[in-house]
Amino acid sequence: MAGRKTGELLLKAHKVVKTFGGLTAVKEVSLEVRAGEIVGLIGPNGAGKTTFFNCLNAIAGPTSGEIMFAGHSLVSQVSPATRLLVFRLGALFALLSLLWLPLALGVVWPETFFRLEAVLALSGLAFFRIYLLKPLSHFRAWSRLLLLIFVLADGLWAVVWLWRSPDFAEVGFFSLFPFYPLLVPGALLILIAAPFFLLMFNLPRVREAFGQHLRADVITALGVGRTFQNIRLFSSLSALDNVKLGRHCRTRANFFGIVLALPGARKEERDSAEKAAECLRFVGLGKQLESRAGSLPYGDQRRLEIARALATEPELLLLDEPAAGMNPTESAGLINLIRRISQAGIAVLIIEHDMKVVMNLADRIYVLDHGELIASGTPAEVRSNPLVIEAYLGAQHAAAQA
């Protein structure tokens, strides 16, 4: 979090909604997390806390609302690389459209009595295909669907043209030159282009550009780390290897570099191992580097998950019930660990049912009930809020407290 000032707004969620069919799990929830602070998110079972976390890191994208992290939208961001890819694909499709027009006219012209009408119709169709370049560049979902329909039609027509090409061996293109030398290579080019476009426009990053939410790995690379309510470790791997997996979003080696063991890939592997070991030492597992993850005690497995999240180099760490199943001694150690994480400059947003943990840790707390935000404030303010007492203990206890 180098260069991030304490107190600077890091995460802002505004009226986030998540629905599953007719069920609304999160109802217009808004919250803020600032650099260097620890924020708690609490509520009864089924309140929508984990669903809200899933919206933050794209495991389940929000139905509506806005989530901003360090100036980036976590709802519908298109990366510059994806933007350039879509534009180049659209431009290539437009250029092929210019080839498609003379090919289609060359086939139709000799066999129709309505040649002027055919020219106008096919010209209009070709220029409409070129017009698709603009909505494609603006990521209109309908334009991608229409382009894929055109591409399928292109492939079909190219097959027909090649199949009937001998019939046009002696035909002159508008009586200017033989049509056959243009037809065969042109049809082959379009036939090759059709599966290429079908593949490229179905790439995950292209689908993402046309209205889908960001993937979890992209959000992790932006600086949002995450642990889960249920432990998700590779139990047969060592603790070190589990944490090294968290470094994946920070490495650049490609498939060939790894397979061929190129110098750059080997250097990244060494760096990943060093940083993974550093994260394990930070959480107190420096002596268990080579221990099998599944053989570690429960509390150490929780720490291992936190180490793996820290290996992603987060600016914001999402902790989903990290103290669940821990005894008092382990919980006290976890509190100290989270404080050290915060002191290292990483903001923390924590879901926790253990009130002792969250009240001792959090600078501010948000409370959810049935997917709605019912209270927010300091631990003292939240502890005495009648709506919070009612959500946890029922209306009678809230009335008694009042």
Protein backbone atom coordinates (compact mmCIF):
# COMPACT_ATOMS: atom_id res chain seq x y z
CA MET A 1 0.00 0.00 0.00
CA ALA A 2 2.93 2.26 -0.68
CA GLY A 3 1.87 5.88 -1.12
CA ARG A 4 -1.66 5.30 0.24
CA LYS A 5 -2.41 7.81 3.00
CA THR A 6 -4.13 6.59 6.15
CA GLY A 7 -7.77 7.64 6.03
CA GLU A 8 -7.88 7.84 2.23
CA LEU A 9 -11.07 6.30 0.79
CA LEU A 10 -10.18 2.85 -0.53
CA LEU A 11 -13.45 0.97 -1.02
CA LYS A 12 -16.88 2.47 -1.58
CA ALA A 13 -19.95 0.32 -2.17
CA HIS A 14 -23.09 2.23 -3.11
CA LYS A 15 -26.56 0.65 -3.04
CA VAL A 16 -25.31 -2.82 -3.89
CA VAL A 17 -28.12 -5.27 -4.70
CA LYS A 18 -27.80 -9.01 -5.26
CA THR A 19 -30.78 -11.13 -6.22
CA PHE A 20 -31.11 -14.85 -6.84
CA GLY A 21 -34.29 -15.32 -8.85
CA GLY A 22 -37.04 -13.87 -6.66
CA LEU A 23 -34.85 -13.72 -3.53
CA THR A 24 -33.01 -10.51 -2.71
CA ALA A 25 -30.00 -11.47 -0.61
CA VAL A 26 -28.44 -7.98 -0.46
CA LYS A 27 -30.67 -4.87 -0.52
CA GLU A 28 -29.04 -1.55 -1.42
CA VAL A 29 -26.10 -1.90 0.96
CA SER A 30 -23.63 0.98 1.09
CA LEU A 31 -20.37 1.07 3.06
CA GLU A 32 -16.91 2.58 2.99
CA VAL A 33 -13.47 1.32 3.97
CA ARG A 34 -10.57 3.71 4.33
CA ALA A 35 -6.87 2.98 4.12
CA GLY A 36 -5.36 1.71 7.34
CA GLU A 37 -8.59 0.93 9.18
CA ILE A 38 -10.34 -2.24 10.30
CA VAL A 39 -14.04 -2.38 9.50
CA GLY A 40 -16.40 -5.04 10.84
CA LEU A 41 -19.41 -6.47 9.03
CA ILE A 42 -21.74 -8.34 11.37
CA GLY A 43 -25.28 -9.69 11.45
CA PRO A 44 -27.28 -12.82 12.24
CA ASN A 45 -26.94 -15.99 10.17
CA GLY A 46 -28.43 -15.49 6.71
CA ALA A 47 -28.08 -11.71 6.87
CA GLY A 48 -26.23 -11.59 3.50
CA LYS A 49 -22.71 -10.90 4.76
CA THR A 50 -20.88 -13.54 2.72
CA THR A 51 -23.03 -12.76 -0.33
CA PHE A 52 -21.93 -9.14 -0.02
CA PHE A 53 -18.29 -10.27 0.16
CA ASN A 54 -18.88 -12.36 -2.98
CA CYS A 55 -20.13 -9.21 -4.72
CA LEU A 56 -16.96 -7.36 -3.75
CA ASN A 57 -14.58 -9.86 -5.36
CA ALA A 58 -16.78 -11.04 -8.28
CA ILE A 59 -17.52 -14.55 -7.08
CA ALA A 60 -21.14 -13.48 -7.50
CA GLY A 61 -21.34 -10.13 -9.28
CA PRO A 62 -23.90 -7.63 -7.97
CA THR A 63 -27.25 -7.32 -9.72
CA SER A 64 -27.06 -3.54 -9.46
CA GLY A 65 -25.18 -0.84 -7.60
CA GLU A 66 -21.63 0.43 -7.79
CA ILE A 67 -18.43 -0.75 -6.11
CA MET A 68 -15.34 1.42 -6.40
CA PHE A 69 -11.92 0.28 -5.21
CA ALA A 70 -8.94 2.65 -5.38
CA GLY A 71 -10.54 4.45 -8.31
CA HIS A 72 -11.47 1.24 -10.18
CA SER A 73 -14.99 -0.01 -10.69
CA LEU A 74 -15.37 -3.61 -9.51
CA VAL A 75 -18.65 -3.99 -11.35
CA SER A 76 -18.02 -3.46 -15.05
CA GLN A 77 -14.47 -2.44 -15.84
CA VAL A 78 -12.93 -3.07 -19.23
CA SER A 79 -9.14 -3.28 -19.24
CA PRO A 80 -7.16 -1.36 -21.91
CA ALA A 81 -5.90 -4.67 -23.34
CA THR A 82 -9.46 -5.97 -23.76
CA ARG A 83 -10.59 -2.66 -25.23
CA LEU A 84 -7.80 -2.82 -27.83
CA LEU A 85 -8.53 -6.47 -28.62
CA VAL A 86 -12.22 -5.78 -29.26
CA PHE A 87 -11.40 -2.80 -31.48
CA ARG A 88 -8.89 -4.76 -33.56
CA LEU A 89 -11.27 -7.67 -33.99
CA GLY A 90 -14.02 -5.28 -35.03
CA ALA A 91 -11.73 -3.54 -37.51
CA LEU A 92 -10.67 -6.89 -39.00
CA PHE A 93 -14.31 -7.90 -39.34
CA ALA A 94 -15.05 -4.59 -41.10
CA LEU A 95 -12.19 -5.16 -43.56
CA LEU A 96 -13.48 -8.65 -44.33
CA SER A 97 -16.89 -7.09 -44.94
CA LEU A 98 -15.36 -5.12 -47.81
CA LEU A 99 -14.16 -8.39 -49.31
CA TRP A 100 -17.53 -10.05 -48.64
CA LEU A 101 -19.43 -7.51 -50.77
CA PRO A 102 -17.70 -8.15 -54.14
CA LEU A 103 -17.74 -11.89 -53.53
CA ALA A 104 -21.47 -11.92 -52.88
CA LEU A 105 -22.17 -9.61 -55.82
CA GLY A 106 -20.00 -11.73 -58.11
CA VAL A 107 -22.10 -14.79 -57.30
CA VAL A 108 -25.47 -13.04 -57.49
CA TRP A 109 -24.88 -10.69 -60.44
CA PRO A 110 -24.83 -13.23 -63.29
CA GLU A 111 -27.96 -15.06 -62.07
CA THR A 112 -30.46 -12.36 -61.22
CA PHE A 113 -32.80 -10.24 -63.27
CA PHE A 114 -32.96 -7.66 -60.47
CA ARG A 115 -29.33 -6.70 -60.49
CA LEU A 116 -29.75 -3.12 -59.24
CA GLU A 117 -31.89 -4.24 -56.32
CA ALA A 118 -29.38 -6.99 -55.52
CA VAL A 119 -26.49 -4.50 -55.53
CA LEU A 120 -28.39 -2.11 -53.23
CA ALA A 121 -29.45 -4.86 -50.83
CA LEU A 122 -26.00 -6.45 -50.56
CA SER A 123 -24.28 -3.06 -50.33
CA GLY A 124 -26.61 -2.06 -47.50
CA LEU A 125 -25.91 -5.34 -45.72
CA ALA A 126 -22.15 -4.95 -46.13
CA PHE A 127 -22.15 -1.37 -44.82
CA PHE A 128 -24.33 -2.39 -41.88
CA ARG A 129 -21.66 -4.95 -41.03
CA ILE A 130 -19.07 -2.17 -41.11
CA TYR A 131 -21.33 -0.02 -38.94
CA LEU A 132 -21.11 -2.73 -36.25
CA LEU A 133 -17.54 -1.59 -35.57
CA LYS A 134 -18.79 1.40 -33.52
CA PRO A 135 -21.19 -0.46 -31.19
CA LEU A 136 -18.59 -3.23 -30.85
CA SER A 137 -16.06 -0.64 -29.71
CA HIS A 138 -18.63 0.67 -27.21
CA PHE A 139 -19.26 -2.88 -25.93
CA ARG A 140 -22.93 -3.14 -26.83
CA ALA A 141 -23.97 -6.70 -25.99
CA TRP A 142 -26.38 -6.93 -28.94
CA SER A 143 -23.59 -6.03 -31.37
CA ARG A 144 -21.52 -9.01 -30.28
CA LEU A 145 -24.50 -11.33 -30.74
CA LEU A 146 -25.21 -9.89 -34.20
CA LEU A 147 -21.56 -10.20 -35.16
CA LEU A 148 -21.53 -13.90 -34.21
CA ILE A 149 -24.65 -14.46 -36.34
CA PHE A 150 -22.92 -12.78 -39.30
CA VAL A 151 -19.81 -14.88 -38.72
CA LEU A 152 -21.83 -18.11 -38.80
CA ALA A 153 -23.49 -16.95 -42.03
CA ASP A 154 -20.08 -16.08 -43.48
CA GLY A 155 -18.80 -19.57 -42.89
CA LEU A 156 -21.90 -21.10 -44.48
CA TRP A 157 -21.71 -18.87 -47.56
CA ALA A 158 -17.98 -19.48 -47.94
CA VAL A 159 -18.66 -23.23 -48.09
CA VAL A 160 -21.38 -22.65 -50.71
CA TRP A 161 -19.11 -20.41 -52.77
CA LEU A 162 -16.30 -22.96 -52.77
CA TRP A 163 -18.71 -25.78 -53.60
CA ARG A 164 -20.11 -23.85 -56.58
CA SER A 165 -16.85 -22.20 -57.62
CA PRO A 166 -16.43 -24.32 -60.80
CA ASP A 167 -19.73 -22.85 -62.05
CA PHE A 168 -18.12 -19.41 -62.06
CA ALA A 169 -14.78 -20.32 -63.60
CA GLU A 170 -15.62 -18.47 -66.82
CA VAL A 171 -17.70 -15.67 -65.31
CA GLY A 172 -16.33 -12.14 -65.53
CA PHE A 173 -16.73 -9.82 -62.55
CA PHE A 174 -18.89 -7.02 -63.96
CA SER A 175 -17.22 -7.93 -67.27
CA LEU A 176 -13.96 -6.47 -66.00
CA PHE A 177 -11.88 -9.53 -65.10
CA PRO A 178 -12.36 -13.26 -64.44
CA PHE A 179 -14.23 -13.83 -61.22
CA TYR A 180 -12.69 -17.18 -60.27
CA PRO A 181 -9.25 -15.87 -59.08
CA LEU A 182 -11.04 -13.64 -56.53
CA LEU A 183 -13.69 -16.14 -55.46
CA VAL A 184 -11.56 -19.07 -54.29
CA PRO A 185 -8.91 -17.28 -52.17
CA GLY A 186 -11.55 -14.85 -50.85
CA ALA A 187 -13.91 -17.65 -49.84
CA LEU A 188 -11.02 -19.54 -48.21
CA LEU A 189 -10.05 -16.44 -46.25
CA ILE A 190 -13.61 -15.94 -44.97
CA LEU A 191 -13.91 -19.64 -44.16
CA ILE A 192 -10.75 -19.45 -42.05
CA ALA A 193 -11.86 -16.17 -40.45
CA ALA A 194 -15.24 -17.52 -39.32
CA PRO A 195 -13.95 -19.95 -36.62
CA PHE A 196 -11.30 -17.39 -35.65
CA PHE A 197 -13.96 -14.78 -34.85
CA LEU A 198 -16.15 -17.35 -33.10
CA LEU A 199 -13.20 -18.25 -30.87
CA MET A 200 -11.95 -14.74 -30.18
CA PHE A 201 -15.35 -13.24 -29.41
CA ASN A 202 -16.01 -16.00 -26.92
CA LEU A 203 -12.82 -15.43 -24.93
CA PRO A 204 -13.57 -14.73 -21.24
CA ARG A 205 -12.06 -11.23 -21.39
CA VAL A 206 -14.15 -10.35 -24.46
CA ARG A 207 -17.33 -11.65 -22.81
CA GLU A 208 -16.34 -9.59 -19.78
CA ALA A 209 -16.15 -6.50 -21.99
CA PHE A 210 -19.72 -7.01 -23.16
CA GLY A 211 -21.42 -6.49 -19.83
CA GLN A 212 -20.18 -9.34 -17.67
CA HIS A 213 -18.67 -8.61 -14.27
CA LEU A 214 -14.98 -8.72 -13.58
CA ARG A 215 -13.45 -12.07 -12.73
CA ALA A 216 -12.24 -12.73 -9.20
CA ASP A 217 -8.61 -13.06 -10.34
CA VAL A 218 -8.71 -9.60 -11.94
CA ILE A 219 -10.03 -8.05 -8.72
CA THR A 220 -7.36 -9.90 -6.74
CA ALA A 221 -4.71 -8.42 -9.03
CA LEU A 222 -6.16 -4.94 -8.36
CA GLY A 223 -5.42 -5.44 -4.66
CA VAL A 224 -8.36 -7.18 -2.95
CA GLY A 225 -7.33 -10.30 -0.99
CA ARG A 226 -9.86 -12.77 0.41
CA THR A 227 -10.25 -15.65 2.82
CA PHE A 228 -13.35 -17.83 3.06
CA GLN A 229 -15.79 -18.95 5.71
CA ASN A 230 -14.93 -22.58 5.02
CA ILE A 231 -11.23 -23.38 4.80
CA ARG A 232 -10.15 -23.75 1.17
CA LEU A 233 -6.64 -25.15 1.15
CA PHE A 234 -4.91 -27.75 -1.00
CA SER A 235 -4.52 -30.20 1.85
CA SER A 236 -2.01 -32.46 0.06
CA LEU A 237 0.36 -29.58 -0.74
CA SER A 238 2.86 -28.03 1.64
CA ALA A 239 2.13 -24.77 3.43
CA LEU A 240 4.72 -23.05 1.24
CA ASP A 241 3.15 -24.33 -2.00
CA ASN A 242 -0.30 -23.19 -0.86
CA VAL A 243 0.97 -19.67 -0.30
CA LYS A 244 2.95 -19.67 -3.57
CA LEU A 245 -0.35 -20.19 -5.37
CA GLY A 246 -1.40 -16.79 -4.06
CA ARG A 247 1.48 -15.27 -6.01
CA HIS A 248 -0.03 -16.30 -9.34
CA CYS A 249 -1.68 -12.92 -9.92
CA ARG A 250 1.72 -11.22 -9.49
CA THR A 251 3.67 -13.37 -11.93
CA ARG A 252 4.08 -12.83 -15.68
CA ALA A 253 5.66 -16.06 -16.93
CA ASN A 254 3.63 -17.74 -19.68
CA PHE A 255 3.08 -21.40 -20.48
CA PHE A 256 6.16 -21.75 -22.69
CA GLY A 257 8.41 -19.92 -20.24
CA ILE A 258 7.41 -22.30 -17.46
CA VAL A 259 7.63 -25.49 -19.56
CA LEU A 260 11.00 -24.52 -21.02
CA ALA A 261 12.26 -23.23 -17.65
CA LEU A 262 13.38 -19.92 -19.13
CA PRO A 263 15.46 -17.62 -16.90
CA GLY A 264 12.59 -15.18 -16.31
CA ALA A 265 10.26 -17.96 -15.20
CA ARG A 266 12.89 -19.43 -12.87
CA LYS A 267 13.51 -16.03 -11.30
CA GLU A 268 9.78 -15.53 -10.70
CA GLU A 269 9.61 -18.97 -9.09
CA ARG A 270 12.44 -18.07 -6.69
CA ASP A 271 10.85 -14.71 -5.88
CA SER A 272 7.48 -16.37 -5.26
CA ALA A 273 9.04 -18.87 -2.87
CA GLU A 274 10.84 -16.11 -0.94
CA LYS A 275 7.73 -13.93 -0.63
CA ALA A 276 5.57 -16.92 0.30
CA ALA A 277 8.02 -17.85 3.07
CA GLU A 278 7.97 -14.23 4.26
CA CYS A 279 4.15 -14.31 4.48
CA LEU A 280 4.26 -17.57 6.44
CA ARG A 281 6.74 -16.11 8.90
CA PHE A 282 4.53 -13.02 9.27
CA VAL A 283 1.52 -15.12 10.36
CA GLY A 284 3.63 -17.27 12.70
CA LEU A 285 4.08 -20.36 10.51
CA GLY A 286 7.75 -19.91 9.68
CA LYS A 287 8.60 -23.36 11.05
CA GLN A 288 5.90 -25.14 9.06
CA LEU A 289 7.00 -24.22 5.52
CA GLU A 290 7.19 -27.82 4.34
CA SER A 291 4.38 -29.19 6.52
CA ARG A 292 1.44 -30.65 4.64
CA ALA A 293 -1.45 -28.18 4.87
CA GLY A 294 -3.97 -30.88 5.79
CA SER A 295 -1.87 -31.97 8.76
CA LEU A 296 -1.75 -28.53 10.40
CA PRO A 297 -3.95 -27.75 13.43
CA TYR A 298 -7.21 -25.93 12.65
CA GLY A 299 -5.99 -22.55 13.90
CA ASP A 300 -2.82 -22.82 11.82
CA GLN A 301 -4.87 -23.64 8.73
CA ARG A 302 -6.77 -20.40 9.26
CA ARG A 303 -3.45 -18.54 9.49
CA LEU A 304 -2.26 -20.30 6.35
CA GLU A 305 -5.28 -18.99 4.45
CA ILE A 306 -4.49 -15.48 5.64
CA ALA A 307 -0.86 -15.93 4.53
CA ARG A 308 -2.02 -16.99 1.07
CA ALA A 309 -4.25 -13.90 0.85
CA LEU A 310 -1.34 -11.69 1.95
CA ALA A 311 0.81 -13.22 -0.80
CA THR A 312 -1.42 -11.51 -3.37
CA GLU A 313 -0.11 -8.15 -2.03
CA PRO A 314 -3.55 -6.76 -1.15
CA GLU A 315 -4.43 -3.22 -0.24
CA LEU A 316 -7.71 -4.50 1.19
CA LEU A 317 -8.08 -7.85 2.94
CA LEU A 318 -11.53 -9.45 3.21
CA LEU A 319 -11.73 -11.90 6.12
CA ASP A 320 -14.83 -14.09 6.30
CA GLU A 321 -15.22 -15.37 9.87
CA PRO A 322 -11.51 -16.02 10.46
CA ALA A 323 -12.08 -16.85 14.16
CA ALA A 324 -14.76 -19.48 13.46
CA GLY A 325 -13.95 -22.68 15.36
CA MET A 326 -11.02 -21.15 17.27
CA ASN A 327 -10.54 -21.45 21.02
CA PRO A 328 -9.99 -18.29 23.14
CA THR A 329 -6.21 -18.54 22.94
CA GLU A 330 -6.27 -18.87 19.14
CA SER A 331 -8.76 -15.99 18.89
CA ALA A 332 -6.46 -13.74 20.92
CA GLY A 333 -3.59 -14.61 18.60
CA LEU A 334 -5.78 -13.84 15.58
CA ILE A 335 -6.64 -10.41 16.98
CA ASN A 336 -2.94 -9.60 17.31
CA LEU A 337 -2.27 -10.86 13.77
CA ILE A 338 -5.03 -8.71 12.24
CA ARG A 339 -3.73 -5.67 14.10
CA ARG A 340 -0.27 -6.29 12.69
CA ILE A 341 -1.78 -6.60 9.21
CA SER A 342 -3.48 -3.24 9.68
CA GLN A 343 -0.26 -1.69 11.00
CA ALA A 344 1.48 -2.95 7.85
CA GLY A 345 -0.79 -0.63 5.86
CA ILE A 346 -3.47 -3.09 4.71
CA ALA A 347 -7.12 -2.19 5.26
CA VAL A 348 -9.24 -5.02 6.67
CA LEU A 349 -12.95 -5.72 6.20
CA ILE A 350 -13.93 -8.58 8.51
CA ILE A 351 -17.07 -10.67 8.92
CA GLU A 352 -17.19 -12.18 12.38
CA HIS A 353 -19.75 -13.76 14.71
CA ASP A 354 -17.41 -13.67 17.70
CA MET A 355 -18.39 -10.30 19.19
CA LYS A 356 -15.31 -10.20 21.40
CA VAL A 357 -13.08 -10.37 18.35
CA VAL A 358 -14.91 -7.79 16.24
CA MET A 359 -15.53 -5.34 19.11
CA ASN A 360 -11.84 -5.43 20.07
CA LEU A 361 -10.63 -5.01 16.51
CA ALA A 362 -12.93 -2.82 14.45
CA ASP A 363 -12.68 0.95 14.14
CA ARG A 364 -16.19 0.97 12.63
CA ILE A 365 -18.89 -1.66 12.26
CA TYR A 366 -21.72 -2.17 9.75
CA VAL A 367 -24.66 -4.39 10.64
CA LEU A 368 -26.76 -6.37 8.15
CA ASP A 369 -30.09 -8.05 8.78
CA HIS A 370 -32.05 -9.87 6.05
CA GLY A 371 -29.79 -8.26 3.46
CA GLU A 372 -30.38 -4.70 4.65
CA LEU A 373 -28.01 -2.32 6.39
CA ILE A 374 -29.65 -1.54 9.75
CA ALA A 375 -26.84 0.21 11.63
CA SER A 376 -23.29 1.52 11.39
CA GLY A 377 -20.90 3.30 13.67
CA THR A 378 -18.27 2.70 16.32
CA PRO A 379 -18.36 -0.55 18.32
CA ALA A 380 -19.91 1.29 21.28
CA GLU A 381 -22.64 2.82 19.13
CA VAL A 382 -23.47 -0.47 17.45
CA ARG A 383 -23.48 -2.40 20.73
CA SER A 384 -26.19 -0.12 22.16
CA ASN A 385 -28.30 0.21 19.00
CA PRO A 386 -31.84 -1.19 19.59
CA LEU A 387 -32.12 -2.42 15.99
CA VAL A 388 -28.94 -4.46 16.43
CA ILE A 389 -30.11 -5.90 19.73
CA GLU A 390 -33.45 -6.79 18.14
CA ALA A 391 -31.75 -8.47 15.17
CA TYR A 392 -29.64 -10.66 17.45
CA LEU A 393 -31.86 -11.20 20.48
CA GLY A 394 -35.40 -10.35 19.39
CA ALA A 395 -37.83 -7.47 19.93
CA GLN A 396 -38.50 -8.27 23.61
CA HIS A 397 -34.83 -7.91 24.57
CA ALA A 398 -34.56 -4.69 22.57
CA ALA A 399 -37.57 -3.26 24.41
CA ALA A 400 -36.09 -4.34 27.75
CA GLN A 401 -32.79 -2.66 26.93
CA ALA A 402 -34.61 0.53 25.98
